[in-house]
Every structure is written in C-alpha cells, then in structure tokens.
Amino acid sequence: MHAIEVANVTKIFRKGFRAVRIPAVVDLSFTVRKGAITGFVGPNGAGKTTTIKMIEGLVHPTKGMLRINGEDAAFPRARGGVAFLSEQPYFYAHLTVSEMLRFTAELIRVPSSQIPKETQRVLETVELSRKTGTKIKELSKGMQQRLNMAQALLGSPHTLVLDEPMSGMDPPGRRLFRDLMELLRQEGRTLFFSSHVLDDIEAICDDVVVLQQGKLTYAGGVRELLDEGFTGTDVVTGEITQECREALGGAGCRFRHDEKRGEWTLFVPKTGDVAALQRILSEKGAFPRRVIPRSMTLEELLYQRKTESVT
C-alpha cells in the first residue's frame, strides 16, 4: 500500500463570465512510497499546489482518484495522522507562539494533559523555544515558517504534506529543516514536499515527481534520474608524453592541460572505456591521481527535459 496515490487525476477550473475551462492538472498519476521523502517540483503554474490541495481535500478533482494509505482522500478519515504545511500560512498575529500552538493542538484533539509537553517538544525541534512568549506579528518570515513546521509536527503525524516548507528560510533554517526531514525519515515517517530549490531535492529526497503544465514528466528515484545525467569520467594524471597523448587520443578521450598544477585531465565519455585508458597510462609509465565521475545537476536535467518537451 502506498502512502499517497494519485490516479488519472484531472482538475479543471472555470474562469470569468464565460466560465472558460482552465486545466490545472491533466490525467496525473503517481505514487508516494511510505517511509520515503518525495520531492514535488515544477515551474510556477505547473499544478503543484492544486495537486497538494486535492490530496488534502481542500479542492476536489474534476475526475480521477486520490488515496491516502488506501483510503479515498475525499473522506476526512483518510487524513487522520496526516499533517499539512501551507506555503502561505495564516496565523492570528496577536497570539504568542505558545498560544498559537496550544490552539492548534486543541483543534487536532491532542489530550489537554499532553499539550504543554507536546508544544515544548515541537518548539525544541524547530529551535523556537526562546520565542514562546513572542507575538506572531513580531516574528520574521523565517521564524513564522519554523512555527508553521512546529504546527505540522504536533501529534506526531505519520505523513507530512508540505508546500514550499523552506520558503523564506535563511541558510541555518534550511539546514535545520533538511536535518529534520532526514530525522523524520529515519523514524519511518512519509514526507511529500514541493520546492523550487532543486539543491534541497537532490540532497535529501529518495524520489521526485516532476510536473510541467499540469502533466507528469517524471516520477521515480532521484538517483536514477541523476544517473541519466552521467556524462563521462575525468581521469587526472601528471605530465604525460606526446606518445602517450597520441595513444589516448586514439582511445577517444579529450584532453585539458593545467600547466600550473602540472596535470592533464583526460575526459572519457560515458560510452568510453575508463579501464582501457588506465591500462594505456600504465603502459606509458603514467598513473591516475584522481578519477572523477561527471554528471549533470538535477536542475540541468530538468531544464533539458523541459526544453525537449517544447521542441
């Protein structure tokens, strides 16, 4: 059973006096594995937030089915143990941090006797313990996002659906959230989050779902996608003779010379034979200093996919 299943979902909005049909999501299907971190990426207007709202029951699909742990997402019981973090949360600005968390804990029916301990736990988790008496209107955007995450962690949900959780965060805050997500994964929680920062996706996600104009362009492992972007291997060696360069040129590699370091970098394309190159070097009395695989970044791969879909 999957934590989240989106099956052939289409969502069409109607706009203006003539009720023009605007498709936000078109025949979308993907799954989110239990206990994994799944990133959700795509340009603005790709349909990410609409999809997340449908998972959370805030918007109903025009057609198709969404399930959470095997339950139809249209029913509130399906969202038991599921936390949602909105990109643009609404807080009662006159409340303090602790008052807001207590209010939220009561809404999700945390037992009254456990609320003080539970609010303290989540405040410590997001490093907001020193702000308990601070009014929300006095918090920075990044601190409000920490409070947003603290709310999502109340009650120890088994699944977290997060819409741009690191929006407005400074570098220490981003590092904190990355570490927190990895800790939650180790505890067996499921995380599904959208982000425009692909470094975050590449650093912590097991899987990634990619949307373009409301349609799925990729769903699967991050590592498998990055493997598609493997371009070849750099073999770095010391000074080599002209005879050696001629032999290596015949093997199909390209050269780059760094006179200052006294090094040659030999690039072997992914279709080449690195072992054969190393044998040639050995025969000519030269030995590799470093062997460095070269790959496209996740951002480069997704841009390439976008370009290919346009052409």
Protein backbone atom coordinates (compact mmCIF):
# COMPACT_ATOMS: atom_id res chain seq x y z
CA MET A 1 0.00 0.00 0.00
CA HIS A 2 1.29 3.46 -0.91
CA ALA A 3 1.22 6.44 1.46
CA ILE A 4 -0.33 8.58 -1.30
CA GLU A 5 -1.74 7.50 -4.64
CA VAL A 6 -2.83 9.89 -7.39
CA ALA A 7 -4.63 8.02 -10.18
CA ASN A 8 -5.60 9.63 -13.50
CA VAL A 9 -6.49 12.92 -11.84
CA THR A 10 -7.64 15.94 -13.81
CA LYS A 11 -8.62 19.28 -12.30
CA ILE A 12 -10.28 21.94 -14.43
CA PHE A 13 -11.11 25.39 -13.10
CA ARG A 14 -13.61 27.74 -14.75
CA LYS A 15 -12.68 31.39 -15.09
CA GLY A 16 -14.58 34.54 -15.93
CA PHE A 17 -18.13 35.27 -17.03
CA ARG A 18 -17.93 32.71 -19.84
CA ALA A 19 -16.60 30.05 -17.47
CA VAL A 20 -13.58 29.33 -19.65
CA ARG A 21 -12.11 25.93 -18.80
CA ILE A 22 -8.58 26.19 -17.38
CA PRO A 23 -6.88 22.80 -16.88
CA ALA A 24 -4.60 22.90 -13.84
CA VAL A 25 -3.77 19.18 -13.77
CA VAL A 26 -4.25 16.73 -16.65
CA ASP A 27 -4.52 12.92 -16.26
CA LEU A 28 -1.94 12.92 -13.46
CA SER A 29 -0.80 9.63 -11.90
CA PHE A 30 1.98 8.95 -9.39
CA THR A 31 2.54 7.30 -6.01
CA VAL A 32 4.40 8.27 -2.84
CA ARG A 33 6.21 5.46 -1.03
CA LYS A 34 5.74 5.00 2.70
CA GLY A 35 8.74 5.99 4.76
CA ALA A 36 10.38 7.92 1.91
CA ILE A 37 10.99 11.60 1.19
CA THR A 38 9.45 12.55 -2.14
CA GLY A 39 10.09 15.91 -3.77
CA PHE A 40 7.48 17.60 -5.94
CA VAL A 41 8.89 20.04 -8.49
CA GLY A 42 7.91 22.08 -11.50
CA PRO A 43 7.74 25.72 -12.60
CA ASN A 44 5.17 28.18 -11.30
CA GLY A 45 1.73 27.25 -12.58
CA ALA A 46 2.66 23.60 -13.15
CA GLY A 47 -0.14 22.39 -10.84
CA LYS A 48 1.81 21.50 -7.69
CA THR A 49 -0.25 23.46 -5.18
CA THR A 50 -3.50 22.34 -6.81
CA THR A 51 -2.39 18.71 -6.50
CA ILE A 52 -1.43 19.17 -2.86
CA LYS A 53 -4.79 20.80 -2.12
CA MET A 54 -6.57 17.85 -3.73
CA ILE A 55 -4.58 15.43 -1.59
CA GLU A 56 -5.61 17.42 1.47
CA GLY A 57 -9.28 17.52 0.43
CA LEU A 58 -9.28 21.31 0.05
CA VAL A 59 -10.03 21.02 -3.69
CA HIS A 60 -11.93 18.20 -5.38
CA PRO A 61 -10.69 16.68 -8.64
CA THR A 62 -12.76 17.01 -11.79
CA LYS A 63 -12.07 13.33 -12.38
CA GLY A 64 -9.75 10.64 -11.10
CA MET A 65 -9.00 9.30 -7.63
CA LEU A 66 -6.66 10.23 -4.80
CA ARG A 67 -5.95 7.84 -1.92
CA ILE A 68 -4.07 8.21 1.35
CA ASN A 69 -2.98 4.90 2.87
CA GLY A 70 -5.56 3.17 0.71
CA GLU A 71 -8.45 5.44 1.76
CA ASP A 72 -10.27 7.76 -0.62
CA ALA A 73 -8.86 11.24 0.08
CA ALA A 74 -12.35 12.70 -0.26
CA PHE A 75 -13.19 11.32 3.21
CA PRO A 76 -11.83 13.10 6.32
CA ARG A 77 -10.86 9.78 7.94
CA ALA A 78 -8.22 9.33 5.22
CA ARG A 79 -6.33 12.31 6.59
CA GLY A 80 -6.03 11.04 10.14
CA GLY A 81 -2.35 11.23 11.04
CA VAL A 82 -1.59 13.44 8.03
CA ALA A 83 -0.14 16.93 8.57
CA PHE A 84 -0.28 19.77 6.05
CA LEU A 85 2.04 22.77 5.86
CA SER A 86 0.84 25.59 3.64
CA GLU A 87 3.23 27.82 1.71
CA GLN A 88 1.30 30.87 2.92
CA PRO A 89 0.03 30.07 6.42
CA TYR A 90 -2.47 32.25 8.22
CA PHE A 91 -1.74 32.99 11.86
CA TYR A 92 -3.64 35.05 14.41
CA ALA A 93 -0.96 37.72 14.65
CA HIS A 94 -1.95 38.91 18.14
CA LEU A 95 -1.31 35.46 19.67
CA THR A 96 2.03 34.39 21.07
CA VAL A 97 3.91 31.40 19.68
CA SER A 98 2.87 29.16 22.58
CA GLU A 99 -0.77 30.32 22.39
CA MET A 100 -0.91 29.53 18.67
CA LEU A 101 0.48 26.04 19.20
CA ARG A 102 -1.90 25.34 22.07
CA PHE A 103 -4.82 26.47 19.91
CA THR A 104 -3.68 24.16 17.08
CA ALA A 105 -3.13 21.25 19.47
CA GLU A 106 -6.68 21.63 20.75
CA LEU A 107 -8.02 21.70 17.18
CA ILE A 108 -6.36 18.38 16.35
CA ARG A 109 -7.54 16.93 19.69
CA VAL A 110 -4.25 16.43 21.47
CA PRO A 111 -5.26 15.44 25.04
CA SER A 112 -5.19 18.51 27.33
CA SER A 113 -2.78 16.88 29.74
CA GLN A 114 -0.26 16.33 26.92
CA ILE A 115 -0.44 19.76 25.28
CA PRO A 116 2.29 21.51 27.36
CA LYS A 117 4.75 18.66 26.78
CA GLU A 118 3.83 18.36 23.10
CA THR A 119 4.17 22.07 22.36
CA GLN A 120 7.54 22.15 24.13
CA ARG A 121 8.70 19.16 22.06
CA VAL A 122 7.90 20.74 18.70
CA LEU A 123 9.33 24.12 19.75
CA GLU A 124 12.62 22.46 20.62
CA THR A 125 12.57 20.53 17.36
CA VAL A 126 12.37 23.72 15.26
CA GLU A 127 14.63 25.66 17.66
CA LEU A 128 11.95 28.15 18.63
CA SER A 129 11.92 27.57 22.40
CA ARG A 130 13.16 31.10 23.15
CA LYS A 131 10.23 32.65 21.28
CA THR A 132 7.34 31.09 23.23
CA GLY A 133 6.13 34.44 24.59
CA THR A 134 6.73 36.41 21.37
CA LYS A 135 3.69 37.61 19.43
CA ILE A 136 3.49 36.16 15.95
CA LYS A 137 3.35 39.60 14.34
CA GLU A 138 6.85 40.24 15.74
CA LEU A 139 8.36 37.14 14.09
CA SER A 140 10.35 37.28 10.88
CA LYS A 141 9.22 35.32 7.82
CA GLY A 142 11.73 32.58 8.58
CA MET A 143 10.62 32.32 12.22
CA GLN A 144 6.98 32.13 11.12
CA GLN A 145 7.94 29.28 8.82
CA ARG A 146 9.50 27.48 11.78
CA LEU A 147 6.24 27.95 13.67
CA ASN A 148 4.43 26.64 10.61
CA MET A 149 6.53 23.46 10.76
CA ALA A 150 6.04 23.17 14.52
CA GLN A 151 2.27 23.12 13.94
CA ALA A 152 2.68 20.36 11.36
CA LEU A 153 4.67 18.23 13.83
CA LEU A 154 2.06 18.38 16.58
CA GLY A 155 0.59 14.97 17.33
CA SER A 156 3.49 13.09 15.61
CA PRO A 157 1.82 12.59 12.19
CA HIS A 158 2.85 9.58 10.11
CA THR A 159 2.63 11.54 6.84
CA LEU A 160 3.59 15.16 6.19
CA VAL A 161 2.49 17.05 3.07
CA LEU A 162 4.50 20.26 2.83
CA ASP A 163 4.01 23.05 0.30
CA GLU A 164 7.28 25.01 -0.05
CA PRO A 165 8.34 24.34 3.57
CA MET A 166 11.63 26.24 3.24
CA SER A 167 10.18 29.38 1.69
CA GLY A 168 11.74 32.47 3.29
CA MET A 169 14.26 30.46 5.32
CA ASP A 170 17.84 31.62 5.85
CA PRO A 171 20.72 29.11 5.37
CA PRO A 172 20.74 27.94 9.03
CA GLY A 173 16.99 27.43 8.85
CA ARG A 174 17.27 25.45 5.63
CA ARG A 175 19.94 23.26 7.20
CA LEU A 176 17.71 22.72 10.24
CA PHE A 177 14.75 21.68 8.06
CA ARG A 178 16.90 19.35 5.96
CA ASP A 179 18.23 17.63 9.09
CA LEU A 180 14.71 17.44 10.50
CA MET A 181 13.35 15.81 7.35
CA GLU A 182 16.11 13.22 7.39
CA LEU A 183 15.37 12.50 11.06
CA LEU A 184 11.66 12.06 10.31
CA ARG A 185 12.53 9.62 7.52
CA GLN A 186 14.68 7.62 9.94
CA GLU A 187 11.66 7.44 12.23
CA GLY A 188 9.64 5.90 9.39
CA ARG A 189 7.55 8.98 8.54
CA THR A 190 6.50 9.80 4.97
CA LEU A 191 7.27 13.26 3.59
CA PHE A 192 5.93 14.75 0.36
CA PHE A 193 7.04 18.31 -0.26
CA SER A 194 7.17 20.83 -3.07
CA SER A 195 10.15 23.09 -3.64
CA HIS A 196 11.69 25.36 -6.26
CA VAL A 197 15.15 24.82 -4.75
CA LEU A 198 16.44 21.74 -6.53
CA ASP A 199 19.51 21.51 -4.30
CA ASP A 200 17.15 20.54 -1.48
CA ILE A 201 15.51 17.87 -3.64
CA GLU A 202 18.86 16.46 -4.71
CA ALA A 203 20.26 16.49 -1.17
CA ILE A 204 17.50 14.76 0.80
CA CYS A 205 14.89 13.15 -1.44
CA ASP A 206 14.58 9.46 -2.27
CA ASP A 207 12.08 10.10 -5.08
CA VAL A 208 10.93 13.03 -7.16
CA VAL A 209 7.75 13.85 -9.06
CA VAL A 210 8.06 16.42 -11.84
CA LEU A 211 5.18 18.40 -13.36
CA GLN A 212 5.15 20.55 -16.47
CA GLN A 213 1.98 22.41 -17.49
CA GLY A 214 -0.14 20.15 -15.32
CA LYS A 215 1.28 16.94 -16.77
CA LEU A 216 3.69 14.40 -15.33
CA THR A 217 7.14 14.37 -16.93
CA TYR A 218 8.96 12.14 -14.44
CA ALA A 219 8.20 10.08 -11.33
CA GLY A 220 10.82 7.87 -9.76
CA GLY A 221 14.10 7.78 -7.87
CA VAL A 222 16.29 10.86 -7.67
CA ARG A 223 19.40 8.71 -8.07
CA GLU A 224 18.00 7.04 -11.21
CA LEU A 225 17.26 10.45 -12.71
CA LEU A 226 20.75 11.72 -11.88
CA ASP A 227 22.23 8.59 -13.44
CA GLU A 228 20.58 9.67 -16.71
CA GLY A 229 22.73 12.79 -16.48
CA PHE A 230 26.03 10.92 -16.22
CA THR A 231 28.18 12.36 -19.00
CA GLY A 232 31.52 10.65 -18.51
CA THR A 233 34.62 10.48 -16.34
CA ASP A 234 37.57 12.79 -15.74
CA VAL A 235 40.87 10.97 -15.14
CA VAL A 236 43.50 13.32 -13.74
CA THR A 237 47.17 12.40 -14.15
CA GLY A 238 50.55 14.10 -14.09
CA GLU A 239 52.61 15.15 -17.09
CA ILE A 240 52.35 12.71 -20.00
CA THR A 241 54.38 12.35 -23.17
CA GLN A 242 53.30 13.19 -26.70
CA GLU A 243 53.37 9.46 -27.48
CA CYS A 244 51.00 8.79 -24.60
CA ARG A 245 48.63 11.58 -25.70
CA GLU A 246 48.51 10.14 -29.21
CA ALA A 247 47.67 6.69 -27.85
CA LEU A 248 44.95 8.15 -25.60
CA GLY A 249 43.53 10.24 -28.44
CA GLY A 250 43.08 7.06 -30.40
CA ALA A 251 41.09 5.69 -27.45
CA GLY A 252 38.56 8.53 -27.88
CA CYS A 253 39.32 10.74 -24.86
CA ARG A 254 39.70 14.53 -24.74
CA PHE A 255 42.49 16.47 -23.01
CA ARG A 256 42.79 19.53 -20.79
CA HIS A 257 46.22 20.71 -19.56
CA ASP A 258 46.81 22.60 -16.32
CA GLU A 259 50.38 23.92 -16.58
CA LYS A 260 50.31 25.47 -13.11
CA ARG A 261 49.48 22.15 -11.45
CA GLY A 262 51.43 20.08 -13.93
CA GLU A 263 48.37 17.93 -14.58
CA TRP A 264 46.44 16.56 -17.52
CA THR A 265 42.70 15.90 -17.27
CA LEU A 266 41.51 13.18 -19.64
CA PHE A 267 37.76 13.12 -20.25
CA VAL A 268 36.27 9.76 -21.16
CA PRO A 269 32.64 9.97 -22.42
CA LYS A 270 30.13 7.64 -20.79
CA THR A 271 30.35 5.31 -23.80
CA GLY A 272 34.14 5.10 -23.38
CA ASP A 273 36.25 2.55 -21.53
CA VAL A 274 37.92 4.03 -18.42
CA ALA A 275 39.71 0.75 -17.67
CA ALA A 276 41.29 0.76 -21.15
CA LEU A 277 42.51 4.33 -20.61
CA GLN A 278 44.08 3.37 -17.29
CA ARG A 279 45.87 0.44 -18.97
CA ILE A 280 47.33 2.79 -21.60
CA LEU A 281 48.53 5.18 -18.90
CA SER A 282 50.14 2.31 -17.01
CA GLU A 283 51.89 1.04 -20.13
CA LYS A 284 53.30 4.54 -20.76
CA GLY A 285 54.51 4.95 -17.18
CA ALA A 286 51.79 7.37 -16.06
CA PHE A 287 49.26 6.74 -13.29
CA PRO A 288 45.92 8.41 -12.41
CA ARG A 289 45.87 10.81 -9.48
CA ARG A 290 42.09 11.18 -9.35
CA VAL A 291 39.11 9.60 -11.11
CA ILE A 292 36.05 11.90 -11.07
CA PRO A 293 32.62 10.96 -12.49
CA ARG A 294 30.91 13.90 -14.22
CA SER A 295 27.15 14.33 -14.09
CA MET A 296 24.56 16.97 -14.84
CA THR A 297 22.85 18.52 -11.83
CA LEU A 298 19.18 17.89 -11.18
CA GLU A 299 18.45 21.45 -12.33
CA GLU A 300 20.27 20.87 -15.63
CA LEU A 301 18.45 17.58 -16.18
CA LEU A 302 15.02 19.07 -15.57
CA TYR A 303 15.78 22.07 -17.78
CA GLN A 304 16.84 19.68 -20.54
CA ARG A 305 13.60 17.73 -20.14
CA LYS A 306 11.63 20.95 -20.31
CA THR A 307 13.48 22.02 -23.47
CA GLU A 308 12.93 18.63 -25.11
CA SER A 309 9.20 18.77 -24.36
CA VAL A 310 8.97 22.19 -26.01
CA THR A 311 10.88 21.15 -29.14
